[in-house]
Amino acid sequence: MGAFVISKRFDDQYKFVFTSRKGKTIFTSTSFELKMDCEALIEEMKSDVNDYTYVKARAANGKYFFKMMKEELHVATSRKYTTPLLLQKGIDEIIVAAAKSDVLDFSVDEFIFPD
């Protein structure tokens, strides 16, 4: 089972990544000003993962990636894959695991290991 991991970017905007059950990042979302917008998109993805389209592309360095789209809105970009087969496995992992994935929130500015 994968996980949605919420965190903050350096510009204090929120983002989330979807990781595989092995802990490898599959995609990273676009930025959000409000954490509740980030959480709302995660819940929407979990409930309606089949409503998204995956636009496959190839980077200048020859690696493969996809953009996750809802209608005309770009919501996430995948990591780079070396083969089209691995790219498809990443997409399949989202479709199979997104609905039952956990949501982890690491956006709080507290130290995990205090002094």
PDB file of N, CA and C in Angstrom:
ATOM      1  N   MET A   1       0.840  -1.176   0.000  1.00  0.00           N
ATOM      2  CA  MET A   1       0.000   0.000   0.000  1.00  0.00           C
ATOM      3  C   MET A   1       0.886   1.240   0.000  1.00  0.00           C
ATOM      4  N   GLY A   2       0.528   2.229  -0.778  1.00  0.00           N
ATOM      5  CA  GLY A   2       1.288   3.473  -0.861  1.00  0.00           C
ATOM      6  C   GLY A   2       0.869   4.456   0.211  1.00  0.00           C
ATOM      7  N   ALA A   3       1.408   5.662   0.114  1.00  0.00           N
ATOM      8  CA  ALA A   3       1.071   6.710   1.077  1.00  0.00           C
ATOM      9  C   ALA A   3       1.157   8.072   0.407  1.00  0.00           C
ATOM     10  N   PHE A   4       0.254   8.947   0.805  1.00  0.00           N
ATOM     11  CA  PHE A   4       0.313  10.353   0.419  1.00  0.00           C
ATOM     12  C   PHE A   4       1.046  11.069   1.544  1.00  0.00           C
ATOM     13  N   VAL A   5       2.128  11.774   1.225  1.00  0.00           N
ATOM     14  CA  VAL A   5       2.944  12.444   2.234  1.00  0.00           C
ATOM     15  C   VAL A   5       2.896  13.948   1.987  1.00  0.00           C
ATOM     16  N   ILE A   6       2.304  14.675   2.925  1.00  0.00           N
ATOM     17  CA  ILE A   6       2.186  16.130   2.827  1.00  0.00           C
ATOM     18  C   ILE A   6       3.419  16.764   3.456  1.00  0.00           C
ATOM     19  N   SER A   7       3.975  17.777   2.762  1.00  0.00           N
ATOM     20  CA  SER A   7       5.118  18.514   3.306  1.00  0.00           C
ATOM     21  C   SER A   7       5.064  19.949   2.780  1.00  0.00           C
ATOM     22  N   LYS A   8       6.022  20.746   3.234  1.00  0.00           N
ATOM     23  CA  LYS A   8       6.111  22.136   2.790  1.00  0.00           C
ATOM     24  C   LYS A   8       7.300  22.309   1.868  1.00  0.00           C
ATOM     25  N   ARG A   9       7.127  23.174   0.891  1.00  0.00           N
ATOM     26  CA  ARG A   9       8.237  23.555   0.024  1.00  0.00           C
ATOM     27  C   ARG A   9       9.011  24.680   0.722  1.00  0.00           C
ATOM     28  N   PHE A  10      10.144  25.085   0.141  1.00  0.00           N
ATOM     29  CA  PHE A  10      10.945  26.150   0.737  1.00  0.00           C
ATOM     30  C   PHE A  10      10.221  27.492   0.728  1.00  0.00           C
ATOM     31  N   ASP A  11       9.260  27.673  -0.184  1.00  0.00           N
ATOM     32  CA  ASP A  11       8.515  28.936  -0.245  1.00  0.00           C
ATOM     33  C   ASP A  11       7.248  28.890   0.624  1.00  0.00           C
ATOM     34  N   ASP A  12       7.179  27.953   1.562  1.00  0.00           N
ATOM     35  CA  ASP A  12       6.078  27.778   2.517  1.00  0.00           C
ATOM     36  C   ASP A  12       4.758  27.363   1.874  1.00  0.00           C
ATOM     37  N   GLN A  13       4.790  26.886   0.645  1.00  0.00           N
ATOM     38  CA  GLN A  13       3.590  26.323   0.045  1.00  0.00           C
ATOM     39  C   GLN A  13       3.576  24.825   0.305  1.00  0.00           C
ATOM     40  N   TYR A  14       2.387  24.244   0.254  1.00  0.00           N
ATOM     41  CA  TYR A  14       2.233  22.827   0.542  1.00  0.00           C
ATOM     42  C   TYR A  14       2.289  22.001  -0.736  1.00  0.00           C
ATOM     43  N   LYS A  15       2.718  20.768  -0.594  1.00  0.00           N
ATOM     44  CA  LYS A  15       2.728  19.803  -1.686  1.00  0.00           C
ATOM     45  C   LYS A  15       2.538  18.430  -1.067  1.00  0.00           C
ATOM     46  N   PHE A  16       2.279  17.452  -1.910  1.00  0.00           N
ATOM     47  CA  PHE A  16       2.288  16.087  -1.429  1.00  0.00           C
ATOM     48  C   PHE A  16       2.910  15.190  -2.478  1.00  0.00           C
ATOM     49  N   VAL A  17       3.456  14.104  -2.020  1.00  0.00           N
ATOM     50  CA  VAL A  17       3.998  13.086  -2.913  1.00  0.00           C
ATOM     51  C   VAL A  17       3.229  11.801  -2.653  1.00  0.00           C
ATOM     52  N   PHE A  18       3.103  10.992  -3.684  1.00  0.00           N
ATOM     53  CA  PHE A  18       2.540   9.660  -3.520  1.00  0.00           C
ATOM     54  C   PHE A  18       3.697   8.696  -3.617  1.00  0.00           C
ATOM     55  N   THR A  19       3.878   7.887  -2.580  1.00  0.00           N
ATOM     56  CA  THR A  19       4.988   6.933  -2.553  1.00  0.00           C
ATOM     57  C   THR A  19       4.458   5.512  -2.661  1.00  0.00           C
ATOM     58  N   SER A  20       5.264   4.657  -3.251  1.00  0.00           N
ATOM     59  CA  SER A  20       4.899   3.250  -3.386  1.00  0.00           C
ATOM     60  C   SER A  20       5.040   2.559  -2.038  1.00  0.00           C
ATOM     61  N   ARG A  21       4.632   1.313  -1.986  1.00  0.00           N
ATOM     62  CA  ARG A  21       4.755   0.552  -0.733  1.00  0.00           C
ATOM     63  C   ARG A  21       6.210   0.334  -0.353  1.00  0.00           C
ATOM     64  N   LYS A  22       7.120   0.499  -1.320  1.00  0.00           N
ATOM     65  CA  LYS A  22       8.550   0.361  -1.041  1.00  0.00           C
ATOM     66  C   LYS A  22       9.183   1.700  -0.663  1.00  0.00           C
ATOM     67  N   GLY A  23       8.382   2.775  -0.644  1.00  0.00           N
ATOM     68  CA  GLY A  23       8.878   4.080  -0.238  1.00  0.00           C
ATOM     69  C   GLY A  23       9.416   4.935  -1.365  1.00  0.00           C
ATOM     70  N   LYS A  24       9.264   4.508  -2.599  1.00  0.00           N
ATOM     71  CA  LYS A  24       9.768   5.259  -3.742  1.00  0.00           C
ATOM     72  C   LYS A  24       8.710   6.263  -4.210  1.00  0.00           C
ATOM     73  N   THR A  25       9.106   7.500  -4.472  1.00  0.00           N
ATOM     74  CA  THR A  25       8.170   8.519  -4.932  1.00  0.00           C
ATOM     75  C   THR A  25       7.669   8.168  -6.327  1.00  0.00           C
ATOM     76  N   ILE A  26       6.351   8.229  -6.507  1.00  0.00           N
ATOM     77  CA  ILE A  26       5.761   7.989  -7.820  1.00  0.00           C
ATOM     78  C   ILE A  26       5.423   9.317  -8.479  1.00  0.00           C
ATOM     79  N   PHE A  27       4.778  10.228  -7.740  1.00  0.00           N
ATOM     80  CA  PHE A  27       4.517  11.555  -8.290  1.00  0.00           C
ATOM     81  C   PHE A  27       4.542  12.608  -7.205  1.00  0.00           C
ATOM     82  N   THR A  28       4.717  13.861  -7.632  1.00  0.00           N
ATOM     83  CA  THR A  28       4.691  15.020  -6.749  1.00  0.00           C
ATOM     84  C   THR A  28       3.612  15.972  -7.243  1.00  0.00           C
ATOM     85  N   SER A  29       2.819  16.478  -6.334  1.00  0.00           N
ATOM     86  CA  SER A  29       1.729  17.383  -6.702  1.00  0.00           C
ATOM     87  C   SER A  29       2.256  18.772  -7.043  1.00  0.00           C
ATOM     88  N   THR A  30       1.357  19.581  -7.553  1.00  0.00           N
ATOM     89  CA  THR A  30       1.659  20.998  -7.738  1.00  0.00           C
ATOM     90  C   THR A  30       1.613  21.666  -6.358  1.00  0.00           C
ATOM     91  N   SER A  31       1.923  22.944  -6.285  1.00  0.00           N
ATOM     92  CA  SER A  31       1.953  23.667  -5.007  1.00  0.00           C
ATOM     93  C   SER A  31       0.575  24.184  -4.616  1.00  0.00           C
ATOM     94  N   PHE A  32       0.361  24.279  -3.310  1.00  0.00           N
ATOM     95  CA  PHE A  32      -0.886  24.793  -2.749  1.00  0.00           C
ATOM     96  C   PHE A  32      -0.557  25.826  -1.683  1.00  0.00           C
ATOM     97  N   GLU A  33      -1.309  26.927  -1.668  1.00  0.00           N
ATOM     98  CA  GLU A  33      -1.113  27.921  -0.624  1.00  0.00           C
ATOM     99  C   GLU A  33      -1.679  27.446   0.704  1.00  0.00           C
ATOM    100  N   LEU A  34      -2.801  26.739   0.653  1.00  0.00           N
ATOM    101  CA  LEU A  34      -3.470  26.283   1.869  1.00  0.00           C
ATOM    102  C   LEU A  34      -3.366  24.770   2.006  1.00  0.00           C
ATOM    103  N   LYS A  35      -3.111  24.338   3.225  1.00  0.00           N
ATOM    104  CA  LYS A  35      -2.997  22.911   3.490  1.00  0.00           C
ATOM    105  C   LYS A  35      -4.318  22.189   3.240  1.00  0.00           C
ATOM    106  N   MET A  36      -5.438  22.853   3.498  1.00  0.00           N
ATOM    107  CA  MET A  36      -6.734  22.206   3.303  1.00  0.00           C
ATOM    108  C   MET A  36      -7.008  21.927   1.830  1.00  0.00           C
ATOM    109  N   ASP A  37      -6.457  22.748   0.912  1.00  0.00           N
ATOM    110  CA  ASP A  37      -6.586  22.471  -0.514  1.00  0.00           C
ATOM    111  C   ASP A  37      -5.810  21.212  -0.892  1.00  0.00           C
ATOM    112  N   CYS A  38      -4.651  21.076  -0.291  1.00  0.00           N
ATOM    113  CA  CYS A  38      -3.813  19.902  -0.492  1.00  0.00           C
ATOM    114  C   CYS A  38      -4.544  18.645  -0.004  1.00  0.00           C
ATOM    115  N   GLU A  39      -5.101  18.714   1.184  1.00  0.00           N
ATOM    116  CA  GLU A  39      -5.834  17.581   1.750  1.00  0.00           C
ATOM    117  C   GLU A  39      -7.080  17.250   0.935  1.00  0.00           C
ATOM    118  N   ALA A  40      -7.760  18.284   0.424  1.00  0.00           N
ATOM    119  CA  ALA A  40      -8.963  18.056  -0.378  1.00  0.00           C
ATOM    120  C   ALA A  40      -8.636  17.315  -1.672  1.00  0.00           C
ATOM    121  N   LEU A  41      -7.526  17.665  -2.316  1.00  0.00           N
ATOM    122  CA  LEU A  41      -7.137  16.979  -3.544  1.00  0.00           C
ATOM    123  C   LEU A  41      -6.767  15.526  -3.256  1.00  0.00           C
ATOM    124  N   ILE A  42      -6.106  15.275  -2.146  1.00  0.00           N
ATOM    125  CA  ILE A  42      -5.764  13.899  -1.776  1.00  0.00           C
ATOM    126  C   ILE A  42      -7.047  13.075  -1.607  1.00  0.00           C
ATOM    127  N   GLU A  43      -8.013  13.616  -0.895  1.00  0.00           N
ATOM    128  CA  GLU A  43      -9.273  12.882  -0.689  1.00  0.00           C
ATOM    129  C   GLU A  43      -9.995  12.652  -2.009  1.00  0.00           C
ATOM    130  N   GLU A  44      -9.949  13.633  -2.896  1.00  0.00           N
ATOM    131  CA  GLU A  44     -10.569  13.478  -4.215  1.00  0.00           C
ATOM    132  C   GLU A  44      -9.863  12.383  -5.020  1.00  0.00           C
ATOM    133  N   MET A  45      -8.534  12.363  -4.955  1.00  0.00           N
ATOM    134  CA  MET A  45      -7.778  11.326  -5.654  1.00  0.00           C
ATOM    135  C   MET A  45      -8.101   9.945  -5.096  1.00  0.00           C
ATOM    136  N   LYS A  46      -8.207   9.856  -3.786  1.00  0.00           N
ATOM    137  CA  LYS A  46      -8.491   8.563  -3.167  1.00  0.00           C
ATOM    138  C   LYS A  46      -9.868   8.044  -3.568  1.00  0.00           C
ATOM    139  N   SER A  47     -10.838   8.934  -3.700  1.00  0.00           N
ATOM    140  CA  SER A  47     -12.201   8.488  -4.006  1.00  0.00           C
ATOM    141  C   SER A  47     -12.465   8.341  -5.506  1.00  0.00           C
ATOM    142  N   ASP A  48     -11.785   9.120  -6.348  1.00  0.00           N
ATOM    143  CA  ASP A  48     -12.064   9.105  -7.791  1.00  0.00           C
ATOM    144  C   ASP A  48     -10.798   8.958  -8.622  1.00  0.00           C
ATOM    145  N   VAL A  49      -9.930   8.027  -8.293  1.00  0.00           N
ATOM    146  CA  VAL A  49      -8.649   7.895  -8.991  1.00  0.00           C
ATOM    147  C   VAL A  49      -8.834   7.588 -10.485  1.00  0.00           C
ATOM    148  N   ASN A  50      -9.948   6.972 -10.852  1.00  0.00           N
ATOM    149  CA  ASN A  50     -10.176   6.632 -12.251  1.00  0.00           C
ATOM    150  C   ASN A  50     -10.598   7.830 -13.097  1.00  0.00           C
ATOM    151  N   ASP A  51     -10.907   8.969 -12.475  1.00  0.00           N
ATOM    152  CA  ASP A  51     -11.295  10.177 -13.215  1.00  0.00           C
ATOM    153  C   ASP A  51     -10.098  10.951 -13.755  1.00  0.00           C
ATOM    154  N   TYR A  52      -8.900  10.543 -13.405  1.00  0.00           N
ATOM    155  CA  TYR A  52      -7.695  11.246 -13.821  1.00  0.00           C
ATOM    156  C   TYR A  52      -7.126  10.621 -15.085  1.00  0.00           C
ATOM    157  N   THR A  53      -6.492  11.461 -15.889  1.00  0.00           N
ATOM    158  CA  THR A  53      -5.801  10.957 -17.079  1.00  0.00           C
ATOM    159  C   THR A  53      -4.304  11.123 -16.859  1.00  0.00           C
ATOM    160  N   TYR A  54      -3.552  10.279 -17.525  1.00  0.00           N
ATOM    161  CA  TYR A  54      -2.102  10.265 -17.383  1.00  0.00           C
ATOM    162  C   TYR A  54      -1.493  10.550 -18.744  1.00  0.00           C
ATOM    163  N   VAL A  55      -0.923  11.732 -18.885  1.00  0.00           N
ATOM    164  CA  VAL A  55      -0.322  12.143 -20.147  1.00  0.00           C
ATOM    165  C   VAL A  55       1.154  11.757 -20.099  1.00  0.00           C
ATOM    166  N   LYS A  56       1.513  10.787 -20.929  1.00  0.00           N
ATOM    167  CA  LYS A  56       2.888  10.287 -20.948  1.00  0.00           C
ATOM    168  C   LYS A  56       3.748  11.183 -21.817  1.00  0.00           C
ATOM    169  N   ALA A  57       4.998  11.377 -21.400  1.00  0.00           N
ATOM    170  CA  ALA A  57       5.924  12.238 -22.132  1.00  0.00           C
ATOM    171  C   ALA A  57       7.342  11.715 -21.950  1.00  0.00           C
ATOM    172  N   ARG A  58       8.237  12.324 -22.702  1.00  0.00           N
ATOM    173  CA  ARG A  58       9.645  11.950 -22.610  1.00  0.00           C
ATOM    174  C   ARG A  58      10.464  13.218 -22.388  1.00  0.00           C
ATOM    175  N   ALA A  59      11.361  13.162 -21.430  1.00  0.00           N
ATOM    176  CA  ALA A  59      12.211  14.312 -21.096  1.00  0.00           C
ATOM    177  C   ALA A  59      13.356  14.426 -22.097  1.00  0.00           C
ATOM    178  N   ALA A  60      14.048  15.536 -22.058  1.00  0.00           N
ATOM    179  CA  ALA A  60      15.169  15.779 -22.969  1.00  0.00           C
ATOM    180  C   ALA A  60      16.291  14.756 -22.784  1.00  0.00           C
ATOM    181  N   ASN A  61      16.409  14.217 -21.585  1.00  0.00           N
ATOM    182  CA  ASN A  61      17.467  13.229 -21.323  1.00  0.00           C
ATOM    183  C   ASN A  61      17.050  11.806 -21.713  1.00  0.00           C
ATOM    184  N   GLY A  62      15.858  11.649 -22.313  1.00  0.00           N
ATOM    185  CA  GLY A  62      15.408  10.347 -22.780  1.00  0.00           C
ATOM    186  C   GLY A  62      14.582   9.558 -21.785  1.00  0.00           C
ATOM    187  N   LYS A  63      14.432  10.065 -20.565  1.00  0.00           N
ATOM    188  CA  LYS A  63      13.652   9.340 -19.565  1.00  0.00           C
ATOM    189  C   LYS A  63      12.163   9.659 -19.723  1.00  0.00           C
ATOM    190  N   TYR A  64      11.346   8.770 -19.198  1.00  0.00           N
ATOM    191  CA  TYR A  64       9.901   8.867 -19.338  1.00  0.00           C
ATOM    192  C   TYR A  64       9.270   9.399 -18.056  1.00  0.00           C
ATOM    193  N   PHE A  65       8.169  10.144 -18.203  1.00  0.00           N
ATOM    194  CA  PHE A  65       7.415  10.633 -17.061  1.00  0.00           C
ATOM    195  C   PHE A  65       5.973  10.837 -17.498  1.00  0.00           C
ATOM    196  N   PHE A  66       5.097  11.087 -16.542  1.00  0.00           N
ATOM    197  CA  PHE A  66       3.711  11.395 -16.884  1.00  0.00           C
ATOM    198  C   PHE A  66       3.232  12.584 -16.071  1.00  0.00           C
ATOM    199  N   LYS A  67       2.233  13.260 -16.623  1.00  0.00           N
ATOM    200  CA  LYS A  67       1.541  14.326 -15.915  1.00  0.00           C
ATOM    201  C   LYS A  67       0.150  13.803 -15.595  1.00  0.00           C
ATOM    202  N   MET A  68      -0.252  13.979 -14.369  1.00  0.00           N
ATOM    203  CA  MET A  68      -1.579  13.552 -13.927  1.00  0.00           C
ATOM    204  C   MET A  68      -2.520  14.733 -14.102  1.00  0.00           C
ATOM    205  N   MET A  69      -3.603  14.509 -14.854  1.00  0.00           N
ATOM    206  CA  MET A  69      -4.519  15.599 -15.209  1.00  0.00           C
ATOM    207  C   MET A  69      -5.939  15.257 -14.768  1.00  0.00           C
ATOM    208  N   LYS A  70      -6.666  16.279 -14.357  1.00  0.00           N
ATOM    209  CA  LYS A  70      -8.106  16.165 -14.094  1.00  0.00           C
ATOM    210  C   LYS A  70      -8.751  17.194 -14.996  1.00  0.00           C
ATOM    211  N   GLU A  71      -9.462  16.717 -16.017  1.00  0.00           N
ATOM    212  CA  GLU A  71      -9.982  17.549 -17.089  1.00  0.00           C
ATOM    213  C   GLU A  71      -8.795  18.274 -17.723  1.00  0.00           C
ATOM    214  N   GLU A  72      -8.719  19.587 -17.648  1.00  0.00           N
ATOM    215  CA  GLU A  72      -7.588  20.323 -18.229  1.00  0.00           C
ATOM    216  C   GLU A  72      -6.594  20.802 -17.177  1.00  0.00           C
ATOM    217  N   LEU A  73      -6.807  20.420 -15.932  1.00  0.00           N
ATOM    218  CA  LEU A  73      -5.983  20.897 -14.819  1.00  0.00           C
ATOM    219  C   LEU A  73      -4.844  19.923 -14.521  1.00  0.00           C
ATOM    220  N   HIS A  74      -3.621  20.425 -14.548  1.00  0.00           N
ATOM    221  CA  HIS A  74      -2.440  19.629 -14.220  1.00  0.00           C
ATOM    222  C   HIS A  74      -2.307  19.587 -12.702  1.00  0.00           C
ATOM    223  N   VAL A  75      -2.356  18.368 -12.121  1.00  0.00           N
ATOM    224  CA  VAL A  75      -2.330  18.254 -10.658  1.00  0.00           C
ATOM    225  C   VAL A  75      -1.049  17.636 -10.119  1.00  0.00           C
ATOM    226  N   ALA A  76      -0.314  16.869 -10.942  1.00  0.00           N
ATOM    227  CA  ALA A  76       0.894  16.219 -10.442  1.00  0.00           C
ATOM    228  C   ALA A  76       1.798  15.808 -11.599  1.00  0.00           C
ATOM    229  N   THR A  77       3.099  15.650 -11.279  1.00  0.00           N
ATOM    230  CA  THR A  77       4.088  15.187 -12.248  1.00  0.00           C
ATOM    231  C   THR A  77       4.851  14.027 -11.625  1.00  0.00           C
ATOM    232  N   SER A  78       5.066  12.996 -12.414  1.00  0.00           N
ATOM    233  CA  SER A  78       5.739  11.802 -11.890  1.00  0.00           C
ATOM    234  C   SER A  78       7.244  12.012 -11.820  1.00  0.00           C
ATOM    235  N   ARG A  79       7.875  11.041 -11.176  1.00  0.00           N
ATOM    236  CA  ARG A  79       9.332  11.002 -11.221  1.00  0.00           C
ATOM    237  C   ARG A  79       9.726  10.506 -12.612  1.00  0.00           C
ATOM    238  N   LYS A  80      11.010  10.481 -12.900  1.00  0.00           N
ATOM    239  CA  LYS A  80      11.494  10.016 -14.201  1.00  0.00           C
ATOM    240  C   LYS A  80      11.715   8.500 -14.158  1.00  0.00           C
ATOM    241  N   TYR A  81      11.321   7.841 -15.237  1.00  0.00           N
ATOM    242  CA  TYR A  81      11.468   6.392 -15.368  1.00  0.00           C
ATOM    243  C   TYR A  81      12.385   6.084 -16.550  1.00  0.00           C
ATOM    244  N   THR A  82      13.088   4.976 -16.479  1.00  0.00           N
ATOM    245  CA  THR A  82      14.036   4.627 -17.542  1.00  0.00           C
ATOM    246  C   THR A  82      13.371   3.912 -18.712  1.00  0.00           C
ATOM    247  N   THR A  83      12.248   3.243 -18.474  1.00  0.00           N
ATOM    248  CA  THR A  83      11.570   2.519 -19.566  1.00  0.00           C
ATOM    249  C   THR A  83      10.074   2.791 -19.540  1.00  0.00           C
ATOM    250  N   PRO A  84       9.402   2.613 -20.674  1.00  0.00           N
ATOM    251  CA  PRO A  84       7.940   2.770 -20.698  1.00  0.00           C
ATOM    252  C   PRO A  84       7.226   1.750 -19.802  1.00  0.00           C
ATOM    253  N   LEU A  85       7.794   0.565 -19.636  1.00  0.00           N
ATOM    254  CA  LEU A  85       7.194  -0.447 -18.780  1.00  0.00           C
ATOM    255  C   LEU A  85       7.181  -0.001 -17.313  1.00  0.00           C
ATOM    256  N   LEU A  86       8.289   0.569 -16.846  1.00  0.00           N
ATOM    257  CA  LEU A  86       8.337   1.076 -15.473  1.00  0.00           C
ATOM    258  C   LEU A  86       7.374   2.247 -15.289  1.00  0.00           C
ATOM    259  N   LEU A  87       7.238   3.078 -16.318  1.00  0.00           N
ATOM    260  CA  LEU A  87       6.286   4.190 -16.281  1.00  0.00           C
ATOM    261  C   LEU A  87       4.877   3.647 -16.089  1.00  0.00           C
ATOM    262  N   GLN A  88       4.512   2.631 -16.856  1.00  0.00           N
ATOM    263  CA  GLN A  88       3.177   2.049 -16.746  1.00  0.00           C
ATOM    264  C   GLN A  88       2.963   1.392 -15.385  1.00  0.00           C
ATOM    265  N   LYS A  89       4.005   0.787 -14.838  1.00  0.00           N
ATOM    266  CA  LYS A  89       3.897   0.195 -13.495  1.00  0.00           C
ATOM    267  C   LYS A  89       3.620   1.269 -12.446  1.00  0.00           C
ATOM    268  N   GLY A  90       4.221   2.448 -12.609  1.00  0.00           N
ATOM    269  CA  GLY A  90       3.955   3.564 -11.699  1.00  0.00           C
ATOM    270  C   GLY A  90       2.504   3.996 -11.764  1.00  0.00           C
ATOM    271  N   ILE A  91       1.968   4.099 -12.969  1.00  0.00           N
ATOM    272  CA  ILE A  91       0.559   4.473 -13.146  1.00  0.00           C
ATOM    273  C   ILE A  91      -0.345   3.400 -12.540  1.00  0.00           C
ATOM    274  N   ASP A  92      -0.029   2.143 -12.799  1.00  0.00           N
ATOM    275  CA  ASP A  92      -0.828   1.037 -12.257  1.00  0.00           C
ATOM    276  C   ASP A  92      -0.826   1.030 -10.733  1.00  0.00           C
ATOM    277  N   GLU A  93       0.304   1.374 -10.137  1.00  0.00           N
ATOM    278  CA  GLU A  93       0.405   1.433  -8.668  1.00  0.00           C
ATOM    279  C   GLU A  93      -0.555   2.478  -8.111  1.00  0.00           C
ATOM    280  N   ILE A  94      -0.673   3.616  -8.788  1.00  0.00           N
ATOM    281  CA  ILE A  94      -1.592   4.667  -8.345  1.00  0.00           C
ATOM    282  C   ILE A  94      -3.031   4.153  -8.397  1.00  0.00           C
ATOM    283  N   ILE A  95      -3.396   3.556  -9.518  1.00  0.00           N
ATOM    284  CA  ILE A  95      -4.772   3.091  -9.713  1.00  0.00           C
ATOM    285  C   ILE A  95      -5.148   2.030  -8.680  1.00  0.00           C
ATOM    286  N   VAL A  96      -4.228   1.127  -8.387  1.00  0.00           N
ATOM    287  CA  VAL A  96      -4.512   0.033  -7.449  1.00  0.00           C
ATOM    288  C   VAL A  96      -4.466   0.493  -5.991  1.00  0.00           C
ATOM    289  N   ALA A  97      -3.501   1.323  -5.632  1.00  0.00           N
ATOM    290  CA  ALA A  97      -3.235   1.597  -4.219  1.00  0.00           C
ATOM    291  C   ALA A  97      -3.753   2.920  -3.685  1.00  0.00           C
ATOM    292  N   ALA A  98      -4.118   3.873  -4.539  1.00  0.00           N
ATOM    293  CA  ALA A  98      -4.465   5.212  -4.051  1.00  0.00           C
ATOM    294  C   ALA A  98      -5.655   5.205  -3.096  1.00  0.00           C
ATOM    295  N   ALA A  99      -6.685   4.443  -3.404  1.00  0.00           N
ATOM    296  CA  ALA A  99      -7.910   4.463  -2.589  1.00  0.00           C
ATOM    297  C   ALA A  99      -7.673   4.014  -1.155  1.00  0.00           C
ATOM    298  N   LYS A 100      -6.744   3.097  -0.945  1.00  0.00           N
ATOM    299  CA  LYS A 100      -6.533   2.577   0.408  1.00  0.00           C
ATOM    300  C   LYS A 100      -5.233   3.060   1.042  1.00  0.00           C
ATOM    301  N   SER A 101      -4.645   4.094   0.465  1.00  0.00           N
ATOM    302  CA  SER A 101      -3.377   4.621   0.972  1.00  0.00           C
ATOM    303  C   SER A 101      -3.574   5.515   2.189  1.00  0.00           C
ATOM    304  N   ASP A 102      -2.564   5.546   3.045  1.00  0.00           N
ATOM    305  CA  ASP A 102      -2.569   6.413   4.222  1.00  0.00           C
ATOM    306  C   ASP A 102      -2.162   7.822   3.823  1.00  0.00           C
ATOM    307  N   VAL A 103      -2.500   8.778   4.665  1.00  0.00           N
ATOM    308  CA  VAL A 103      -2.069  10.165   4.491  1.00  0.00           C
ATOM    309  C   VAL A 103      -1.167  10.511   5.671  1.00  0.00           C
ATOM    310  N   LEU A 104       0.069  10.890   5.377  1.00  0.00           N
ATOM    311  CA  LEU A 104       1.032  11.277   6.405  1.00  0.00           C
ATOM    312  C   LEU A 104       1.306  12.767   6.273  1.00  0.00           C
ATOM    313  N   ASP A 105       1.285  13.485   7.375  1.00  0.00           N
ATOM    314  CA  ASP A 105       1.475  14.932   7.345  1.00  0.00           C
ATOM    315  C   ASP A 105       2.802  15.295   8.017  1.00  0.00           C
ATOM    316  N   PHE A 106       3.779  15.717   7.216  1.00  0.00           N
ATOM    317  CA  PHE A 106       5.070  16.169   7.722  1.00  0.00           C
ATOM    318  C   PHE A 106       5.258  17.666   7.484  1.00  0.00           C
ATOM    319  N   SER A 107       4.149  18.406   7.401  1.00  0.00           N
ATOM    320  CA  SER A 107       4.241  19.833   7.113  1.00  0.00           C
ATOM    321  C   SER A 107       4.400  20.692   8.353  1.00  0.00           C
ATOM    322  N   VAL A 108       4.267  20.126   9.532  1.00  0.00           N
ATOM    323  CA  VAL A 108       4.397  20.879  10.778  1.00  0.00           C
ATOM    324  C   VAL A 108       5.874  21.166  11.015  1.00  0.00           C
ATOM    325  N   ASP A 109       6.185  22.378  11.460  1.00  0.00           N
ATOM    326  CA  ASP A 109       7.573  22.778  11.664  1.00  0.00           C
ATOM    327  C   ASP A 109       8.114  22.365  13.024  1.00  0.00           C
ATOM    328  N   GLU A 110       7.725  21.222  13.503  1.00  0.00           N
ATOM    329  CA  GLU A 110       8.228  20.754  14.788  1.00  0.00           C
ATOM    330  C   GLU A 110       9.348  19.754  14.542  1.00  0.00           C
ATOM    331  N   PHE A 111      10.286  19.719  15.455  1.00  0.00           N
ATOM    332  CA  PHE A 111      11.368  18.741  15.348  1.00  0.00           C
ATOM    333  C   PHE A 111      10.848  17.370  15.762  1.00  0.00           C
ATOM    334  N   ILE A 112      11.169  16.383  14.986  1.00  0.00           N
ATOM    335  CA  ILE A 112      10.764  15.028  15.310  1.00  0.00           C
ATOM    336  C   ILE A 112      11.564  14.507  16.494  1.00  0.00           C
ATOM    337  N   PHE A 113      12.851  14.867  16.544  1.00  0.00           N
ATOM    338  CA  PHE A 113      13.717  14.433  17.621  1.00  0.00           C
ATOM    339  C   PHE A 113      14.201  15.656  18.394  1.00  0.00           C
ATOM    340  N   PRO A 114      13.413  16.120  19.388  1.00  0.00           N
ATOM    341  CA  PRO A 114      13.833  17.297  20.143  1.00  0.00           C
ATOM    342  C   PRO A 114      15.064  17.004  20.993  1.00  0.00           C
ATOM    343  N   ASP A 115      15.757  18.079  21.408  1.00  0.00           N
ATOM    344  CA  ASP A 115      16.955  17.930  22.231  1.00  0.00           C
ATOM    345  C   ASP A 115      16.674  17.282  23.563  1.00  0.00           C
TER     346      ASP A 115
END
